[in-house]
Amino acid sequence: MNVTWLEPHPDATAPLQALAGVGVVHERLPAAPEALQPGLDRLAAARGYVEQDIVELRPETVDLDAICRKFADEHLHTDDEVRYVLEGEGIFDIRSADDRWLRVTVEAGDLLVVPANLHHRFMLTERKHIRCVRLFKDRGGWVPHYRQGAPA
């Protein structure tokens, strides 16, 4: 995982500290299936996730551009957004406590939890491929709520 500020930042806050300051959880989990599921199960038990699935986006995914446009605008969810990357890579832009963008690039082995009610957006990298495990407390809480009048 790589974390950077998208614009110059006037204070000395490191990007990882800024992520932690808004409740984002990030860690590396083992890729081996026999080791991965126990880690996901511990996270689910600790945070109340009750559903799990896998989502995959590839260059040949039907309507890929339309799917990606839904997540490229700034939004939040009323449930945590949990992603464990199995293959590929993606980009999450996440708002810091002072409303600046942090760019988080995730790849295979990265677990990222964007907490409920935190503004963010998601994009694919040039590879246009990501395969992730998703965890949910309630799929109804994963509807995007778009931010109106957001700063650039």
N, C-alpha and C. Protein backbone atom coordinates (compact mmCIF):
# COMPACT_ATOMS: atom_id res chain seq x y z
N MET A 1 0.85 -1.17 0.00
CA MET A 1 0.00 0.00 0.00
C MET A 1 0.90 1.23 0.00
N ASN A 2 0.49 2.20 -0.79
CA ASN A 2 1.21 3.46 -0.86
C ASN A 2 0.22 4.58 -0.51
N VAL A 3 0.63 5.49 0.37
CA VAL A 3 -0.23 6.59 0.80
C VAL A 3 0.52 7.90 0.61
N THR A 4 -0.13 8.85 -0.08
CA THR A 4 0.48 10.15 -0.31
C THR A 4 -0.60 11.23 -0.21
N TRP A 5 -0.16 12.46 0.00
CA TRP A 5 -1.05 13.61 -0.09
C TRP A 5 -1.22 13.95 -1.57
N LEU A 6 -2.41 14.35 -2.00
CA LEU A 6 -2.62 14.74 -3.39
C LEU A 6 -2.20 16.18 -3.66
N GLU A 7 -2.16 17.00 -2.63
CA GLU A 7 -1.71 18.38 -2.80
C GLU A 7 -0.72 18.69 -1.69
N PRO A 8 0.06 19.74 -1.86
CA PRO A 8 1.02 20.09 -0.80
C PRO A 8 0.30 20.23 0.55
N HIS A 9 0.93 19.74 1.57
CA HIS A 9 0.32 19.77 2.90
C HIS A 9 1.18 20.62 3.82
N PRO A 10 0.58 21.64 4.47
CA PRO A 10 1.37 22.61 5.24
C PRO A 10 1.92 22.11 6.57
N ASP A 11 1.38 21.02 7.11
CA ASP A 11 1.92 20.57 8.40
C ASP A 11 2.73 19.29 8.21
N ALA A 12 3.26 18.79 9.30
CA ALA A 12 4.17 17.64 9.23
C ALA A 12 3.45 16.31 9.39
N THR A 13 2.13 16.31 9.36
CA THR A 13 1.39 15.07 9.56
C THR A 13 1.72 14.09 8.44
N ALA A 14 2.20 12.94 8.80
CA ALA A 14 2.50 11.90 7.81
C ALA A 14 1.19 11.33 7.28
N PRO A 15 1.19 10.92 6.03
CA PRO A 15 -0.04 10.37 5.46
C PRO A 15 -0.63 9.20 6.26
N LEU A 16 0.21 8.28 6.75
CA LEU A 16 -0.33 7.15 7.53
C LEU A 16 -0.96 7.62 8.83
N GLN A 17 -0.38 8.62 9.48
CA GLN A 17 -0.98 9.18 10.70
C GLN A 17 -2.31 9.84 10.37
N ALA A 18 -2.37 10.52 9.23
CA ALA A 18 -3.62 11.18 8.83
C ALA A 18 -4.71 10.15 8.56
N LEU A 19 -4.36 9.02 7.95
CA LEU A 19 -5.35 7.96 7.74
C LEU A 19 -5.87 7.43 9.07
N ALA A 20 -4.96 7.14 9.98
CA ALA A 20 -5.37 6.64 11.29
C ALA A 20 -6.24 7.66 12.01
N GLY A 21 -5.95 8.96 11.80
CA GLY A 21 -6.71 10.02 12.45
C GLY A 21 -8.17 10.09 12.05
N VAL A 22 -8.51 9.52 10.88
CA VAL A 22 -9.91 9.48 10.45
C VAL A 22 -10.49 8.08 10.54
N GLY A 23 -9.76 7.18 11.22
CA GLY A 23 -10.30 5.85 11.49
C GLY A 23 -10.07 4.80 10.43
N VAL A 24 -9.25 5.11 9.43
CA VAL A 24 -8.97 4.11 8.39
C VAL A 24 -8.06 3.03 8.96
N VAL A 25 -8.41 1.78 8.71
CA VAL A 25 -7.61 0.63 9.14
C VAL A 25 -6.92 0.08 7.90
N HIS A 26 -5.64 -0.21 8.01
CA HIS A 26 -4.91 -0.82 6.90
C HIS A 26 -3.92 -1.81 7.47
N GLU A 27 -3.78 -2.93 6.78
CA GLU A 27 -2.78 -3.91 7.16
C GLU A 27 -2.54 -4.86 6.00
N ARG A 28 -1.51 -5.63 6.10
CA ARG A 28 -1.21 -6.68 5.13
C ARG A 28 -1.66 -7.99 5.73
N LEU A 29 -2.37 -8.78 4.95
CA LEU A 29 -2.78 -10.11 5.38
C LEU A 29 -2.11 -11.14 4.48
N PRO A 30 -1.93 -12.35 4.97
CA PRO A 30 -1.30 -13.38 4.14
C PRO A 30 -2.18 -13.73 2.95
N ALA A 31 -1.55 -13.99 1.82
CA ALA A 31 -2.30 -14.28 0.60
C ALA A 31 -2.78 -15.72 0.53
N ALA A 32 -2.13 -16.62 1.23
CA ALA A 32 -2.51 -18.03 1.18
C ALA A 32 -3.92 -18.20 1.73
N PRO A 33 -4.82 -18.86 0.97
CA PRO A 33 -6.22 -18.99 1.41
C PRO A 33 -6.38 -19.57 2.82
N GLU A 34 -5.54 -20.54 3.17
CA GLU A 34 -5.67 -21.16 4.49
C GLU A 34 -5.29 -20.20 5.61
N ALA A 35 -4.50 -19.18 5.31
CA ALA A 35 -4.11 -18.20 6.32
C ALA A 35 -4.97 -16.95 6.23
N LEU A 36 -5.53 -16.66 5.07
CA LEU A 36 -6.31 -15.45 4.86
C LEU A 36 -7.63 -15.47 5.61
N GLN A 37 -8.40 -16.53 5.45
CA GLN A 37 -9.75 -16.56 6.02
C GLN A 37 -9.77 -16.38 7.53
N PRO A 38 -8.86 -16.99 8.30
CA PRO A 38 -8.87 -16.72 9.75
C PRO A 38 -8.68 -15.23 10.07
N GLY A 39 -7.84 -14.54 9.31
CA GLY A 39 -7.65 -13.09 9.53
C GLY A 39 -8.91 -12.31 9.22
N LEU A 40 -9.59 -12.66 8.13
CA LEU A 40 -10.85 -12.01 7.80
C LEU A 40 -11.93 -12.33 8.83
N ASP A 41 -11.95 -13.57 9.31
CA ASP A 41 -12.93 -13.96 10.33
C ASP A 41 -12.72 -13.17 11.63
N ARG A 42 -11.46 -12.97 12.02
CA ARG A 42 -11.17 -12.18 13.24
C ARG A 42 -11.65 -10.73 13.06
N LEU A 43 -11.39 -10.16 11.89
CA LEU A 43 -11.84 -8.79 11.61
C LEU A 43 -13.37 -8.72 11.65
N ALA A 44 -14.01 -9.69 11.02
CA ALA A 44 -15.48 -9.71 10.99
C ALA A 44 -16.06 -9.80 12.40
N ALA A 45 -15.50 -10.67 13.23
CA ALA A 45 -15.99 -10.82 14.60
C ALA A 45 -15.76 -9.55 15.41
N ALA A 46 -14.60 -8.92 15.23
CA ALA A 46 -14.27 -7.72 16.02
C ALA A 46 -15.10 -6.52 15.62
N ARG A 47 -15.49 -6.43 14.33
CA ARG A 47 -16.16 -5.22 13.84
C ARG A 47 -17.62 -5.45 13.45
N GLY A 48 -18.12 -6.67 13.60
CA GLY A 48 -19.53 -6.93 13.35
C GLY A 48 -19.92 -7.17 11.91
N TYR A 49 -18.99 -7.60 11.07
CA TYR A 49 -19.34 -7.90 9.68
C TYR A 49 -19.97 -9.28 9.61
N VAL A 50 -21.05 -9.40 8.86
CA VAL A 50 -21.79 -10.66 8.81
C VAL A 50 -21.88 -11.26 7.41
N GLU A 51 -21.46 -10.52 6.40
CA GLU A 51 -21.50 -11.03 5.03
C GLU A 51 -20.15 -10.83 4.38
N GLN A 52 -19.84 -11.75 3.45
CA GLN A 52 -18.58 -11.68 2.72
C GLN A 52 -18.83 -12.11 1.28
N ASP A 53 -18.21 -11.41 0.34
CA ASP A 53 -18.27 -11.84 -1.06
C ASP A 53 -16.98 -11.42 -1.75
N ILE A 54 -16.91 -11.72 -3.04
CA ILE A 54 -15.76 -11.33 -3.85
C ILE A 54 -16.28 -10.55 -5.04
N VAL A 55 -15.61 -9.45 -5.35
CA VAL A 55 -15.95 -8.63 -6.51
C VAL A 55 -14.70 -8.53 -7.38
N GLU A 56 -14.91 -8.55 -8.70
CA GLU A 56 -13.77 -8.44 -9.61
C GLU A 56 -14.12 -7.51 -10.77
N LEU A 57 -13.21 -6.62 -11.08
CA LEU A 57 -13.32 -5.75 -12.24
C LEU A 57 -12.10 -6.00 -13.12
N ARG A 58 -12.35 -6.17 -14.42
CA ARG A 58 -11.29 -6.43 -15.40
C ARG A 58 -11.55 -5.58 -16.63
N PRO A 59 -10.56 -5.42 -17.50
CA PRO A 59 -10.80 -4.64 -18.72
C PRO A 59 -11.99 -5.15 -19.53
N GLU A 60 -12.24 -6.45 -19.50
CA GLU A 60 -13.35 -7.02 -20.28
C GLU A 60 -14.68 -7.04 -19.54
N THR A 61 -14.74 -6.52 -18.32
CA THR A 61 -16.01 -6.44 -17.58
C THR A 61 -17.01 -5.60 -18.37
N VAL A 62 -18.21 -6.14 -18.56
CA VAL A 62 -19.25 -5.41 -19.29
C VAL A 62 -19.57 -4.11 -18.56
N ASP A 63 -19.62 -3.00 -19.30
CA ASP A 63 -19.92 -1.68 -18.76
C ASP A 63 -18.94 -1.22 -17.69
N LEU A 64 -17.67 -1.61 -17.83
CA LEU A 64 -16.66 -1.26 -16.83
C LEU A 64 -16.59 0.25 -16.60
N ASP A 65 -16.59 1.05 -17.66
CA ASP A 65 -16.49 2.50 -17.48
C ASP A 65 -17.67 3.05 -16.69
N ALA A 66 -18.87 2.56 -16.96
CA ALA A 66 -20.06 3.01 -16.22
C ALA A 66 -19.99 2.60 -14.76
N ILE A 67 -19.52 1.39 -14.51
CA ILE A 67 -19.36 0.91 -13.13
C ILE A 67 -18.37 1.81 -12.39
N CYS A 68 -17.25 2.09 -13.02
CA CYS A 68 -16.21 2.90 -12.37
C CYS A 68 -16.67 4.33 -12.12
N ARG A 69 -17.48 4.88 -13.02
CA ARG A 69 -17.98 6.25 -12.82
C ARG A 69 -18.80 6.38 -11.55
N LYS A 70 -19.50 5.31 -11.13
CA LYS A 70 -20.31 5.36 -9.91
C LYS A 70 -19.47 5.63 -8.67
N PHE A 71 -18.21 5.21 -8.70
CA PHE A 71 -17.36 5.31 -7.52
C PHE A 71 -16.35 6.44 -7.60
N ALA A 72 -16.22 7.07 -8.77
CA ALA A 72 -15.20 8.11 -8.97
C ALA A 72 -15.59 9.44 -8.33
N ASP A 73 -16.90 9.68 -8.14
CA ASP A 73 -17.33 10.90 -7.47
C ASP A 73 -17.28 10.72 -5.96
N GLU A 74 -17.00 11.80 -5.26
CA GLU A 74 -16.88 11.75 -3.82
C GLU A 74 -18.19 11.32 -3.17
N HIS A 75 -18.08 10.35 -2.26
CA HIS A 75 -19.27 9.80 -1.61
C HIS A 75 -18.88 9.20 -0.26
N LEU A 76 -19.88 8.76 0.46
CA LEU A 76 -19.69 8.00 1.69
C LEU A 76 -20.72 6.88 1.74
N HIS A 77 -20.53 5.98 2.67
CA HIS A 77 -21.49 4.90 2.92
C HIS A 77 -21.82 4.92 4.42
N THR A 78 -22.99 4.41 4.78
CA THR A 78 -23.36 4.33 6.19
C THR A 78 -22.84 3.05 6.84
N ASP A 79 -22.13 2.23 6.08
CA ASP A 79 -21.45 1.04 6.58
C ASP A 79 -19.98 1.19 6.20
N ASP A 80 -19.10 0.49 6.89
CA ASP A 80 -17.69 0.49 6.52
C ASP A 80 -17.52 -0.07 5.11
N GLU A 81 -16.52 0.42 4.41
CA GLU A 81 -16.15 -0.17 3.12
C GLU A 81 -14.87 -0.97 3.38
N VAL A 82 -15.00 -2.29 3.30
CA VAL A 82 -13.90 -3.19 3.62
C VAL A 82 -13.46 -3.90 2.34
N ARG A 83 -12.17 -3.81 2.04
CA ARG A 83 -11.62 -4.47 0.86
C ARG A 83 -10.31 -5.16 1.21
N TYR A 84 -10.24 -6.43 0.88
CA TYR A 84 -8.98 -7.16 0.92
C TYR A 84 -8.65 -7.50 -0.53
N VAL A 85 -7.53 -7.00 -1.03
CA VAL A 85 -7.19 -7.16 -2.44
C VAL A 85 -6.52 -8.51 -2.67
N LEU A 86 -7.16 -9.32 -3.50
CA LEU A 86 -6.62 -10.62 -3.87
C LEU A 86 -5.70 -10.52 -5.08
N GLU A 87 -6.10 -9.70 -6.06
CA GLU A 87 -5.33 -9.51 -7.29
C GLU A 87 -5.54 -8.08 -7.77
N GLY A 88 -4.58 -7.60 -8.56
CA GLY A 88 -4.73 -6.29 -9.16
C GLY A 88 -4.44 -5.17 -8.19
N GLU A 89 -5.01 -3.99 -8.52
CA GLU A 89 -4.75 -2.82 -7.70
C GLU A 89 -5.85 -1.78 -7.91
N GLY A 90 -5.96 -0.87 -6.97
CA GLY A 90 -6.95 0.19 -7.05
C GLY A 90 -6.49 1.41 -6.28
N ILE A 91 -7.22 2.50 -6.45
CA ILE A 91 -6.87 3.77 -5.81
C ILE A 91 -8.08 4.28 -5.03
N PHE A 92 -7.88 4.52 -3.75
CA PHE A 92 -8.87 5.19 -2.91
C PHE A 92 -8.34 6.57 -2.60
N ASP A 93 -9.13 7.60 -2.89
CA ASP A 93 -8.84 8.95 -2.39
C ASP A 93 -9.73 9.14 -1.18
N ILE A 94 -9.14 9.49 -0.04
CA ILE A 94 -9.85 9.57 1.23
C ILE A 94 -9.64 10.96 1.83
N ARG A 95 -10.72 11.55 2.33
CA ARG A 95 -10.64 12.87 2.96
C ARG A 95 -10.00 12.77 4.33
N SER A 96 -9.04 13.65 4.58
CA SER A 96 -8.39 13.73 5.88
C SER A 96 -9.28 14.53 6.83
N ALA A 97 -8.86 14.63 8.08
CA ALA A 97 -9.62 15.39 9.08
C ALA A 97 -9.75 16.86 8.70
N ASP A 98 -8.76 17.39 7.96
CA ASP A 98 -8.84 18.79 7.53
C ASP A 98 -9.34 18.92 6.09
N ASP A 99 -10.01 17.88 5.60
CA ASP A 99 -10.70 17.89 4.31
C ASP A 99 -9.77 17.92 3.10
N ARG A 100 -8.57 17.39 3.24
CA ARG A 100 -7.64 17.27 2.12
C ARG A 100 -7.65 15.82 1.63
N TRP A 101 -7.25 15.64 0.38
CA TRP A 101 -7.23 14.29 -0.19
C TRP A 101 -5.94 13.55 0.16
N LEU A 102 -6.13 12.32 0.61
CA LEU A 102 -5.05 11.35 0.75
C LEU A 102 -5.27 10.29 -0.32
N ARG A 103 -4.24 9.96 -1.05
CA ARG A 103 -4.36 8.92 -2.08
C ARG A 103 -3.76 7.63 -1.55
N VAL A 104 -4.57 6.56 -1.56
CA VAL A 104 -4.16 5.25 -1.07
C VAL A 104 -4.22 4.29 -2.25
N THR A 105 -3.08 3.77 -2.64
CA THR A 105 -3.04 2.77 -3.71
C THR A 105 -2.88 1.41 -3.05
N VAL A 106 -3.83 0.51 -3.32
CA VAL A 106 -3.81 -0.82 -2.73
C VAL A 106 -3.49 -1.85 -3.80
N GLU A 107 -2.88 -2.96 -3.35
CA GLU A 107 -2.52 -4.05 -4.25
C GLU A 107 -2.73 -5.37 -3.51
N ALA A 108 -2.47 -6.45 -4.19
CA ALA A 108 -2.68 -7.78 -3.61
C ALA A 108 -2.03 -7.87 -2.23
N GLY A 109 -2.80 -8.34 -1.26
CA GLY A 109 -2.33 -8.50 0.11
C GLY A 109 -2.73 -7.37 1.04
N ASP A 110 -3.25 -6.27 0.47
CA ASP A 110 -3.65 -5.12 1.28
C ASP A 110 -5.10 -5.24 1.76
N LEU A 111 -5.30 -4.97 3.03
CA LEU A 111 -6.63 -4.84 3.62
C LEU A 111 -6.84 -3.37 3.94
N LEU A 112 -7.97 -2.83 3.52
CA LEU A 112 -8.30 -1.43 3.80
C LEU A 112 -9.73 -1.38 4.31
N VAL A 113 -9.92 -0.67 5.43
CA VAL A 113 -11.26 -0.41 5.97
C VAL A 113 -11.46 1.10 5.98
N VAL A 114 -12.37 1.57 5.12
CA VAL A 114 -12.77 2.97 5.12
C VAL A 114 -14.00 3.03 6.02
N PRO A 115 -13.93 3.71 7.15
CA PRO A 115 -15.04 3.68 8.09
C PRO A 115 -16.30 4.35 7.54
N ALA A 116 -17.43 3.94 8.07
CA ALA A 116 -18.72 4.53 7.69
C ALA A 116 -18.64 6.05 7.81
N ASN A 117 -19.33 6.72 6.90
CA ASN A 117 -19.51 8.17 6.92
C ASN A 117 -18.23 8.97 6.64
N LEU A 118 -17.23 8.35 6.04
CA LEU A 118 -16.02 9.05 5.65
C LEU A 118 -16.03 9.25 4.13
N HIS A 119 -15.90 10.48 3.69
CA HIS A 119 -15.92 10.78 2.26
C HIS A 119 -14.68 10.22 1.56
N HIS A 120 -14.93 9.62 0.41
CA HIS A 120 -13.86 9.01 -0.37
C HIS A 120 -14.32 8.85 -1.82
N ARG A 121 -13.42 8.37 -2.65
CA ARG A 121 -13.75 7.99 -4.03
C ARG A 121 -12.81 6.86 -4.41
N PHE A 122 -13.18 6.11 -5.45
CA PHE A 122 -12.39 4.95 -5.86
C PHE A 122 -12.18 4.95 -7.36
N MET A 123 -10.99 4.57 -7.78
CA MET A 123 -10.66 4.45 -9.20
C MET A 123 -9.78 3.23 -9.41
N LEU A 124 -9.82 2.70 -10.61
CA LEU A 124 -8.87 1.65 -10.98
C LEU A 124 -7.59 2.31 -11.47
N THR A 125 -6.50 1.57 -11.42
CA THR A 125 -5.25 2.03 -12.01
C THR A 125 -5.32 1.76 -13.52
N GLU A 126 -4.26 2.07 -14.21
CA GLU A 126 -4.22 1.85 -15.66
C GLU A 126 -4.41 0.38 -16.03
N ARG A 127 -4.08 -0.53 -15.14
CA ARG A 127 -4.26 -1.97 -15.40
C ARG A 127 -5.74 -2.35 -15.50
N LYS A 128 -6.60 -1.55 -14.86
CA LYS A 128 -8.05 -1.79 -14.85
C LYS A 128 -8.41 -3.20 -14.38
N HIS A 129 -7.75 -3.62 -13.32
CA HIS A 129 -8.04 -4.94 -12.76
C HIS A 129 -7.89 -4.91 -11.25
N ILE A 130 -8.94 -5.38 -10.58
CA ILE A 130 -8.88 -5.59 -9.14
C ILE A 130 -9.85 -6.71 -8.80
N ARG A 131 -9.44 -7.56 -7.88
CA ARG A 131 -10.29 -8.63 -7.35
C ARG A 131 -10.17 -8.55 -5.84
N CYS A 132 -11.31 -8.37 -5.16
CA CYS A 132 -11.31 -8.09 -3.72
C CYS A 132 -12.34 -8.93 -2.98
N VAL A 133 -12.00 -9.24 -1.75
CA VAL A 133 -12.98 -9.73 -0.79
C VAL A 133 -13.61 -8.50 -0.17
N ARG A 134 -14.96 -8.52 -0.07
CA ARG A 134 -15.68 -7.43 0.60
C ARG A 134 -16.36 -8.01 1.84
N LEU A 135 -16.38 -7.24 2.90
CA LEU A 135 -17.10 -7.61 4.12
C LEU A 135 -18.14 -6.54 4.40
N PHE A 136 -19.30 -6.96 4.92
CA PHE A 136 -20.40 -6.04 5.18
C PHE A 136 -21.03 -6.33 6.54
N LYS A 137 -21.51 -5.26 7.18
CA LYS A 137 -22.42 -5.41 8.31
C LYS A 137 -23.83 -5.56 7.77
N ASP A 138 -24.13 -4.77 6.73
CA ASP A 138 -25.46 -4.74 6.12
C ASP A 138 -25.30 -4.16 4.72
N ARG A 139 -25.62 -4.91 3.69
CA ARG A 139 -25.44 -4.42 2.32
C ARG A 139 -26.23 -3.14 2.06
N GLY A 140 -27.31 -2.91 2.79
CA GLY A 140 -28.09 -1.69 2.63
C GLY A 140 -27.30 -0.45 3.02
N GLY A 141 -26.30 -0.61 3.88
CA GLY A 141 -25.48 0.51 4.30
C GLY A 141 -24.37 0.84 3.33
N TRP A 142 -24.30 0.08 2.24
CA TRP A 142 -23.22 0.29 1.30
C TRP A 142 -23.66 1.10 0.08
N VAL A 143 -24.82 1.68 0.14
CA VAL A 143 -25.30 2.57 -0.92
C VAL A 143 -24.47 3.85 -0.88
N PRO A 144 -23.97 4.34 -2.04
CA PRO A 144 -23.19 5.58 -2.00
C PRO A 144 -24.08 6.80 -1.80
N HIS A 145 -23.64 7.70 -0.94
CA HIS A 145 -24.29 8.99 -0.72
C HIS A 145 -23.29 10.04 -1.18
N TYR A 146 -23.61 10.70 -2.31
CA TYR A 146 -22.67 11.62 -2.95
C TYR A 146 -22.61 12.96 -2.23
N ARG A 147 -21.41 13.50 -2.15
CA ARG A 147 -21.18 14.78 -1.48
C ARG A 147 -21.48 15.92 -2.44
N GLN A 148 -22.31 16.82 -2.02
CA GLN A 148 -22.66 18.01 -2.82
C GLN A 148 -21.77 19.17 -2.40
N GLY A 149 -21.30 19.95 -3.36
CA GLY A 149 -20.51 21.14 -3.05
C GLY A 149 -19.18 20.84 -2.42
N ALA A 150 -18.60 19.69 -2.77
CA ALA A 150 -17.32 19.30 -2.18
C ALA A 150 -16.19 20.17 -2.68
N PRO A 151 -15.20 20.43 -1.81
CA PRO A 151 -14.02 21.14 -2.28
C PRO A 151 -13.28 20.27 -3.29
N ALA A 152 -12.52 20.86 -4.17
CA ALA A 152 -11.82 20.12 -5.23
C ALA A 152 -10.80 19.18 -4.69
